[in-house]
Amino acid sequence: MVAALFNPEQMDWIKKRVKIAVICGGEKSCSKNYVYENLSPRSTKTYRTVAEDIVATLAQEGFDQLEVLEESMHLPQQLKSQNVDMAFLNSGGLQGYDSMCHLPSMMEMCGVPYIGHTPMTAGLLDNKLMLKNELSALGIPTAPFITLDQGRTIHDASCQRALDYIDQEFGEGYIVKPVVGRASIHVYPVFDRSELQEVVERVQSATNNVVLIEPYLSGAEFVAAVCGRVLYKESQLEEQEQPFVFSISQRVLDEGEHIFTSMDVRPITADRSRPVLDESLKADIADIVSRIFTAFNLQTLIRVDLRMDNNGRLYVLEANPKPDLKRPCGNQINLVTAGLAAEGMQYEELLQSLIFNRLQYLYRNRPTTLAHCLSDSLFTLSQQGGRA
């Protein structure tokens, strides 16, 4: 029998007694955070201000035991000494390759339940080569691509054939990007094939990693967020039959702007995003996003970026495993929460949805994972209400 959803009294018990650490990235500049410095293909950012936003919001919503911790080699001992019951992962990694995998791997090793993707899934979503291979195998539309590791050039015969196909099928130019990265850093549109090799070498040099070439798509660009089926609304939990797809919107590009730049380059303001109103297009995007969430057996939030070609065909660009959760402020928004109001939800409710969706899943499917923090007194609270 499927366990019932937590009732308001049980949720209040959890808010008062379960200690949650929101974990951001550590400072790469601090040598005490690691044994030896390693190369980092992904540009480093701690996301500490976002973690502080999450903690401040949860405290406002009645969570009593909260902490901000940093990802580093000291983290396991901090989790133990501070009696952390559960972690909310908000880091892109401290350093090294496949850094999105490191923090969930550490949680798995330490036995600390967490809100975030499993190590393998986090790495797969973050690596554009592996993601595009999986999408292609699943029949989910993604543009054709070429990958070049260190020492390989576009002058290779197989690469030239692939470029010929891209020219024939799309004929609008190319996008050169790191196979792993964030915030559109080291992403370049190239409209002259003779310039491709120089740009590839520039990205290879900057990232010490594989470089990906795909066709430039000149159509509209879209984003959509998706998370689990258990939602927190108006102090109650509700469960949907399908993953919750929301904030389906179009990214607004200025004249002459070929790709959407991140908030690191230019603030994401309300005028840079508009909701998708065409019901047919909205349904197509929701279907693609829901298929990704289900096929990858995801349990928590991702943001999917899509773009059309000049014939109106939709392609998945990437699936961001750690989308921005900074609290909206004034005219500055984040793309995940931009469309929440249309769903009758607020930022505060989304954060609590992520927490209770994860707790509900673990309680139903892996109850021993929560044995250290969900005591018998929680379950004496009947579905009609009561006090422990």
Protein backbone atom coordinates (compact mmCIF):
# COMPACT_ATOMS: atom_id res chain seq x y z
CA MET A 1 0.00 0.00 0.00
CA VAL A 2 1.31 3.47 -0.91
CA ALA A 3 1.93 5.60 2.16
CA ALA A 4 -0.40 8.58 2.53
CA LEU A 5 0.93 12.08 2.05
CA PHE A 6 2.26 13.84 5.13
CA ASN A 7 -0.52 15.82 6.78
CA PRO A 8 -0.06 19.42 8.05
CA GLU A 9 0.76 18.28 11.60
CA GLN A 10 3.42 15.89 10.29
CA MET A 11 4.89 18.58 8.06
CA ASP A 12 5.06 20.94 11.02
CA TRP A 13 6.82 18.21 13.04
CA ILE A 14 9.38 17.85 10.22
CA LYS A 15 9.91 21.61 10.03
CA LYS A 16 10.62 21.79 13.76
CA ARG A 17 12.82 18.71 14.20
CA VAL A 18 14.62 17.76 10.97
CA LYS A 19 17.91 19.62 10.50
CA ILE A 20 18.59 20.59 6.90
CA ALA A 21 21.92 21.81 5.54
CA VAL A 22 21.81 23.76 2.30
CA ILE A 23 25.17 23.01 0.70
CA CYS A 24 26.76 25.48 -1.69
CA GLY A 25 30.07 25.26 -3.51
CA GLY A 26 33.34 25.72 -1.68
CA GLU A 27 35.88 28.41 -2.51
CA LYS A 28 38.36 27.08 -5.06
CA SER A 29 40.74 29.86 -3.97
CA CYS A 30 40.96 28.33 -0.46
CA SER A 31 43.63 25.62 -0.55
CA LYS A 32 42.36 24.18 2.75
CA ASN A 33 39.27 22.88 0.93
CA TYR A 34 41.16 20.11 -0.91
CA VAL A 35 44.34 18.06 -0.75
CA TYR A 36 45.75 19.20 -4.11
CA GLU A 37 44.44 21.66 -6.67
CA ASN A 38 42.88 20.05 -9.74
CA LEU A 39 41.85 21.31 -13.17
CA SER A 40 38.24 22.52 -13.42
CA PRO A 41 36.62 22.42 -16.87
CA ARG A 42 33.52 24.07 -15.38
CA SER A 43 34.04 27.69 -14.33
CA THR A 44 33.70 27.86 -10.57
CA LYS A 45 30.93 29.62 -8.67
CA THR A 46 29.87 28.94 -5.10
CA TYR A 47 26.16 29.89 -5.32
CA ARG A 48 26.40 30.88 -1.67
CA THR A 49 23.97 33.79 -2.02
CA VAL A 50 21.39 31.39 -3.48
CA ALA A 51 21.92 29.00 -0.54
CA GLU A 52 21.40 31.91 1.83
CA ASP A 53 18.18 32.82 -0.01
CA ILE A 54 16.94 29.25 0.39
CA VAL A 55 17.75 29.16 4.11
CA ALA A 56 16.17 32.57 4.77
CA THR A 57 13.01 31.54 2.91
CA LEU A 58 12.71 28.20 4.70
CA ALA A 59 13.23 29.90 8.08
CA GLN A 60 10.44 32.31 7.21
CA GLU A 61 8.23 29.31 6.41
CA GLY A 62 8.74 27.70 9.81
CA PHE A 63 11.80 25.47 9.39
CA ASP A 64 13.72 25.76 12.67
CA GLN A 65 16.96 23.85 12.06
CA LEU A 66 18.87 25.15 9.07
CA GLU A 67 22.51 25.58 8.15
CA VAL A 68 24.55 26.74 5.15
CA LEU A 69 27.59 24.53 4.57
CA GLU A 70 30.20 24.49 1.80
CA GLU A 71 31.32 21.59 -0.35
CA SER A 72 34.87 20.69 0.62
CA MET A 73 36.89 17.79 1.99
CA HIS A 74 35.78 18.88 5.50
CA LEU A 75 32.08 18.48 4.74
CA PRO A 76 31.57 14.87 5.98
CA GLN A 77 32.88 15.72 9.42
CA GLN A 78 30.78 18.89 9.54
CA LEU A 79 27.66 16.92 8.67
CA LYS A 80 28.39 14.52 11.50
CA SER A 81 29.42 17.05 14.14
CA GLN A 82 26.44 19.32 13.42
CA ASN A 83 23.93 16.44 13.38
CA VAL A 84 22.60 17.25 9.92
CA ASP A 85 19.63 15.06 9.02
CA MET A 86 19.20 16.00 5.37
CA ALA A 87 21.04 18.03 2.72
CA PHE A 88 19.68 20.40 0.08
CA LEU A 89 22.29 20.34 -2.70
CA ASN A 90 23.06 23.69 -4.30
CA SER A 91 26.57 23.28 -5.68
CA GLY A 92 28.15 22.76 -9.07
CA GLY A 93 31.23 21.21 -7.49
CA LEU A 94 34.44 22.47 -5.95
CA GLN A 95 36.94 21.40 -8.61
CA GLY A 96 37.90 18.60 -10.95
CA TYR A 97 36.12 16.75 -13.73
CA ASP A 98 32.46 15.68 -13.58
CA SER A 99 32.13 17.95 -10.56
CA MET A 100 28.32 17.80 -10.50
CA CYS A 101 28.71 14.18 -9.34
CA HIS A 102 30.95 14.89 -6.39
CA LEU A 103 28.51 16.25 -3.82
CA PRO A 104 25.75 13.63 -4.29
CA SER A 105 28.46 10.95 -4.25
CA MET A 106 29.66 12.29 -0.91
CA MET A 107 26.11 12.22 0.44
CA GLU A 108 25.66 8.63 -0.72
CA MET A 109 28.94 7.61 0.90
CA CYS A 110 28.04 9.34 4.18
CA GLY A 111 24.47 8.03 4.16
CA VAL A 112 22.95 11.52 4.37
CA PRO A 113 19.63 11.80 2.47
CA TYR A 114 19.56 14.72 0.08
CA ILE A 115 17.46 16.80 -2.28
CA GLY A 116 19.28 16.47 -5.58
CA HIS A 117 20.06 14.08 -8.39
CA THR A 118 21.91 10.80 -7.94
CA PRO A 119 25.61 10.99 -8.83
CA MET A 120 25.31 9.20 -12.17
CA THR A 121 22.24 11.19 -13.21
CA ALA A 122 23.80 14.51 -12.21
CA GLY A 123 26.86 13.74 -14.33
CA LEU A 124 24.82 12.54 -17.29
CA LEU A 125 22.62 15.65 -17.30
CA ASP A 126 25.62 17.93 -16.94
CA ASN A 127 27.64 16.33 -19.75
CA LYS A 128 26.18 17.49 -23.06
CA LEU A 129 27.77 14.63 -25.01
CA MET A 130 26.24 11.91 -22.83
CA LEU A 131 22.93 13.74 -22.55
CA LYS A 132 22.60 14.16 -26.32
CA ASN A 133 23.46 10.50 -26.89
CA GLU A 134 20.75 9.47 -24.43
CA LEU A 135 18.21 11.86 -25.93
CA SER A 136 18.93 10.52 -29.41
CA ALA A 137 18.49 6.94 -28.20
CA LEU A 138 15.15 7.88 -26.63
CA GLY A 139 13.92 9.58 -29.79
CA ILE A 140 13.79 12.99 -28.09
CA PRO A 141 14.79 15.69 -30.61
CA THR A 142 18.24 17.17 -30.19
CA ALA A 143 20.36 18.73 -32.90
CA PRO A 144 23.19 16.71 -34.52
CA PHE A 145 26.61 17.30 -33.01
CA ILE A 146 30.34 16.72 -33.30
CA THR A 147 32.74 16.30 -30.38
CA LEU A 148 36.44 17.05 -30.49
CA ASP A 149 38.82 16.08 -27.71
CA GLN A 150 42.30 17.50 -27.23
CA GLY A 151 44.43 17.02 -30.32
CA ARG A 152 41.56 16.36 -32.73
CA THR A 153 40.69 19.05 -35.28
CA ILE A 154 37.77 19.80 -37.56
CA HIS A 155 40.01 18.82 -40.51
CA ASP A 156 39.50 15.16 -39.65
CA ALA A 157 37.63 13.49 -42.54
CA SER A 158 34.72 12.27 -40.37
CA CYS A 159 34.35 15.75 -38.87
CA GLN A 160 34.25 17.31 -42.33
CA ARG A 161 31.48 14.91 -43.37
CA ALA A 162 29.50 15.79 -40.25
CA LEU A 163 29.95 19.49 -40.95
CA ASP A 164 28.77 18.96 -44.52
CA TYR A 165 25.62 17.33 -43.17
CA ILE A 166 25.02 20.22 -40.73
CA ASP A 167 25.47 22.71 -43.58
CA GLN A 168 23.07 20.79 -45.79
CA GLU A 169 20.39 20.23 -43.15
CA PHE A 170 20.57 23.59 -41.33
CA GLY A 171 22.93 25.93 -43.17
CA GLU A 172 22.81 28.77 -40.64
CA GLY A 173 26.15 28.47 -38.87
CA TYR A 174 27.43 26.64 -35.82
CA ILE A 175 27.57 26.78 -32.04
CA VAL A 176 30.84 25.83 -30.34
CA LYS A 177 30.54 25.01 -26.64
CA PRO A 178 32.26 23.06 -23.85
CA VAL A 179 30.89 19.56 -23.28
CA VAL A 180 30.59 20.56 -19.60
CA GLY A 181 30.03 24.12 -18.49
CA ARG A 182 27.62 26.62 -17.06
CA ALA A 183 26.06 30.01 -17.74
CA SER A 184 26.86 30.06 -21.50
CA ILE A 185 30.53 30.66 -20.66
CA HIS A 186 32.84 29.74 -23.59
CA VAL A 187 29.82 29.30 -25.88
CA TYR A 188 30.34 30.91 -29.30
CA PRO A 189 28.21 31.25 -32.43
CA VAL A 190 30.32 30.86 -35.60
CA PHE A 191 28.96 31.80 -39.01
CA ASP A 192 32.08 31.20 -41.14
CA ARG A 193 33.28 27.59 -41.39
CA SER A 194 36.85 28.78 -41.90
CA GLU A 195 36.82 30.24 -38.36
CA LEU A 196 35.64 27.06 -36.62
CA GLN A 197 39.04 25.56 -35.85
CA GLU A 198 40.31 28.70 -34.14
CA VAL A 199 37.20 28.87 -31.93
CA VAL A 200 37.42 25.14 -31.10
CA GLU A 201 41.04 25.58 -30.00
CA ARG A 202 40.05 28.58 -27.87
CA VAL A 203 37.42 26.53 -25.99
CA GLN A 204 39.72 23.51 -25.68
CA SER A 205 42.40 25.71 -24.17
CA ALA A 206 40.00 27.37 -21.73
CA THR A 207 38.39 24.15 -20.49
CA ASN A 208 40.98 21.37 -20.97
CA ASN A 209 38.08 19.22 -22.05
CA VAL A 210 36.02 17.96 -24.97
CA VAL A 211 34.42 20.59 -27.23
CA LEU A 212 31.06 20.17 -28.93
CA ILE A 213 29.92 21.64 -32.26
CA GLU A 214 26.25 21.71 -33.21
CA PRO A 215 24.23 23.71 -35.75
CA TYR A 216 23.18 27.24 -34.93
CA LEU A 217 19.40 27.30 -34.68
CA SER A 218 17.91 30.66 -35.61
CA GLY A 219 14.40 30.13 -34.25
CA ALA A 220 12.87 31.07 -30.91
CA GLU A 221 14.42 29.76 -27.69
CA PHE A 222 12.38 28.30 -24.83
CA VAL A 223 12.81 27.02 -21.29
CA ALA A 224 10.66 24.88 -19.03
CA ALA A 225 11.09 23.58 -15.50
CA VAL A 226 9.97 20.20 -14.19
CA CYS A 227 10.03 18.57 -10.77
CA GLY A 228 8.36 15.72 -8.86
CA ARG A 229 4.67 14.92 -8.50
CA VAL A 230 4.25 15.88 -4.83
CA LEU A 231 3.59 19.61 -4.46
CA TYR A 232 3.22 21.89 -1.45
CA LYS A 233 0.36 24.34 -1.97
CA GLU A 234 -1.49 26.41 0.63
CA SER A 235 0.08 24.44 3.50
CA GLN A 236 -1.09 21.10 2.08
CA LEU A 237 0.53 18.40 -0.02
CA GLU A 238 -1.06 17.23 -3.24
CA GLU A 239 0.09 14.57 -5.65
CA GLN A 240 -0.22 14.79 -9.42
CA GLU A 241 -0.34 11.87 -11.83
CA GLN A 242 2.49 13.32 -13.93
CA PRO A 243 5.68 15.29 -13.19
CA PHE A 244 5.00 18.98 -12.55
CA VAL A 245 6.00 20.97 -15.65
CA PHE A 246 5.89 24.74 -15.18
CA SER A 247 7.36 28.10 -16.22
CA ILE A 248 7.18 27.29 -19.93
CA SER A 249 8.49 30.51 -21.40
CA GLN A 250 10.32 32.03 -24.34
CA ARG A 251 13.67 33.64 -23.84
CA VAL A 252 13.64 37.08 -25.44
CA LEU A 253 16.71 37.80 -27.56
CA ASP A 254 17.65 41.35 -28.45
CA GLU A 255 18.29 42.28 -32.05
CA GLY A 256 21.68 40.91 -32.99
CA GLU A 257 21.81 38.66 -29.91
CA HIS A 258 22.44 35.11 -31.12
CA ILE A 259 22.41 33.23 -27.80
CA PHE A 260 20.79 33.94 -24.44
CA THR A 261 23.44 35.12 -21.98
CA SER A 262 23.35 34.16 -18.32
CA MET A 263 22.92 36.33 -15.26
CA ASP A 264 26.73 36.32 -14.91
CA VAL A 265 26.86 38.46 -18.06
CA ARG A 266 23.58 40.37 -17.85
CA PRO A 267 20.80 40.31 -15.21
CA ILE A 268 17.78 38.21 -16.15
CA THR A 269 14.95 40.70 -15.92
CA ALA A 270 11.24 40.29 -16.59
CA ASP A 271 11.55 41.75 -20.08
CA ARG A 272 13.88 38.92 -21.11
CA SER A 273 11.25 36.21 -20.66
CA ARG A 274 7.64 35.86 -21.77
CA PRO A 275 5.16 33.03 -21.11
CA VAL A 276 4.30 30.69 -23.99
CA LEU A 277 0.63 31.27 -24.77
CA ASP A 278 0.23 29.05 -27.84
CA GLU A 279 -1.44 25.97 -26.34
CA SER A 280 -0.17 23.58 -29.02
CA LEU A 281 3.44 24.72 -28.63
CA LYS A 282 3.11 24.69 -24.85
CA ALA A 283 1.84 21.10 -24.96
CA ASP A 284 4.72 20.03 -27.23
CA ILE A 285 7.30 21.53 -24.87
CA ALA A 286 5.61 20.02 -21.80
CA ASP A 287 5.56 16.60 -23.46
CA ILE A 288 9.29 16.70 -24.27
CA VAL A 289 10.20 17.90 -20.78
CA SER A 290 7.99 15.32 -19.06
CA ARG A 291 9.47 12.54 -21.23
CA ILE A 292 12.99 13.54 -20.16
CA PHE A 293 12.02 13.60 -16.48
CA THR A 294 10.38 10.19 -16.70
CA ALA A 295 12.96 8.48 -18.95
CA PHE A 296 15.85 9.50 -16.69
CA ASN A 297 13.90 8.49 -13.57
CA LEU A 298 14.42 11.94 -12.07
CA GLN A 299 13.16 12.87 -8.63
CA THR A 300 13.86 16.59 -8.40
CA LEU A 301 14.11 19.83 -10.32
CA ILE A 302 15.70 20.38 -13.72
CA ARG A 303 15.37 23.13 -16.31
CA VAL A 304 15.23 22.15 -19.97
CA ASP A 305 16.39 24.58 -22.66
CA LEU A 306 15.02 24.18 -26.19
CA ARG A 307 15.31 26.04 -29.47
CA MET A 308 13.63 25.99 -32.88
CA ASP A 309 15.34 25.92 -36.23
CA ASN A 310 14.19 28.15 -39.09
CA ASN A 311 11.54 25.56 -39.98
CA GLY A 312 9.93 25.63 -36.53
CA ARG A 313 11.30 22.25 -35.39
CA LEU A 314 12.01 22.01 -31.64
CA TYR A 315 15.33 20.65 -30.34
CA VAL A 316 16.56 20.14 -26.78
CA LEU A 317 19.73 22.13 -26.13
CA GLU A 318 20.42 20.93 -22.60
CA ALA A 319 18.89 19.81 -19.31
CA ASN A 320 20.28 21.86 -16.44
CA PRO A 321 20.59 19.69 -13.29
CA LYS A 322 21.11 22.70 -11.00
CA PRO A 323 18.95 25.56 -12.24
CA ASP A 324 19.06 28.90 -10.47
CA LEU A 325 16.90 29.08 -7.34
CA LYS A 326 17.78 32.61 -6.30
CA ARG A 327 14.82 34.39 -4.79
CA PRO A 328 13.21 36.79 -7.32
CA CYS A 329 13.75 40.40 -6.33
CA GLY A 330 12.15 43.41 -7.99
CA ASN A 331 12.54 43.20 -11.77
CA GLN A 332 15.20 40.48 -11.52
CA ILE A 333 13.78 36.99 -11.99
CA ASN A 334 15.03 33.48 -12.45
CA LEU A 335 13.77 31.37 -15.31
CA VAL A 336 12.55 28.52 -13.09
CA THR A 337 10.19 30.55 -10.93
CA ALA A 338 9.09 33.08 -13.58
CA GLY A 339 5.88 31.17 -14.35
CA LEU A 340 5.00 29.89 -10.88
CA ALA A 341 2.22 32.41 -10.28
CA ALA A 342 0.32 31.05 -13.27
CA GLU A 343 0.29 27.66 -11.49
CA GLY A 344 -1.04 29.16 -8.26
CA MET A 345 2.31 28.76 -6.54
CA GLN A 346 5.01 30.95 -5.03
CA TYR A 347 8.78 30.65 -4.63
CA GLU A 348 8.34 29.59 -1.00
CA GLU A 349 6.01 26.78 -2.02
CA LEU A 350 8.38 25.50 -4.69
CA LEU A 351 11.21 25.11 -2.19
CA GLN A 352 8.94 23.23 0.20
CA SER A 353 7.64 21.10 -2.66
CA LEU A 354 11.22 20.01 -3.40
CA ILE A 355 11.80 19.07 0.23
CA PHE A 356 8.54 17.23 0.88
CA ASN A 357 8.56 15.50 -2.52
CA ARG A 358 11.95 14.02 -1.66
CA LEU A 359 10.98 13.07 1.90
CA GLN A 360 7.76 11.49 0.69
CA TYR A 361 9.63 9.46 -1.94
CA LEU A 362 12.23 8.21 0.55
CA TYR A 363 9.60 7.40 3.18
CA ARG A 364 7.65 5.31 0.67
CA ASN A 365 10.55 3.61 -1.09
CA ARG A 366 13.64 3.74 1.16
CA PRO A 367 12.38 4.26 4.72
CA THR A 368 15.62 3.10 6.34
CA THR A 369 17.31 6.17 4.78
CA LEU A 370 15.20 8.36 7.09
CA ALA A 371 15.28 6.17 10.20
CA HIS A 372 17.71 8.55 11.91
CA CYS A 373 15.42 11.61 11.65
CA LEU A 374 11.80 10.51 11.26
CA SER A 375 10.98 8.91 14.58
CA ASP A 376 7.91 6.96 15.63
CA SER A 377 6.43 10.08 17.20
CA LEU A 378 5.95 11.56 13.72
CA PHE A 379 3.75 8.67 12.68
CA THR A 380 1.55 8.86 15.76
CA LEU A 381 0.12 11.99 14.19
CA SER A 382 -2.97 10.58 12.53
CA GLN A 383 -4.16 11.58 9.08
CA GLN A 384 -6.95 13.45 10.87
CA GLY A 385 -4.46 15.44 12.91
CA GLY A 386 -3.06 15.17 16.40
CA ARG A 387 -0.01 15.90 18.50
CA ALA A 388 3.13 13.90 19.24
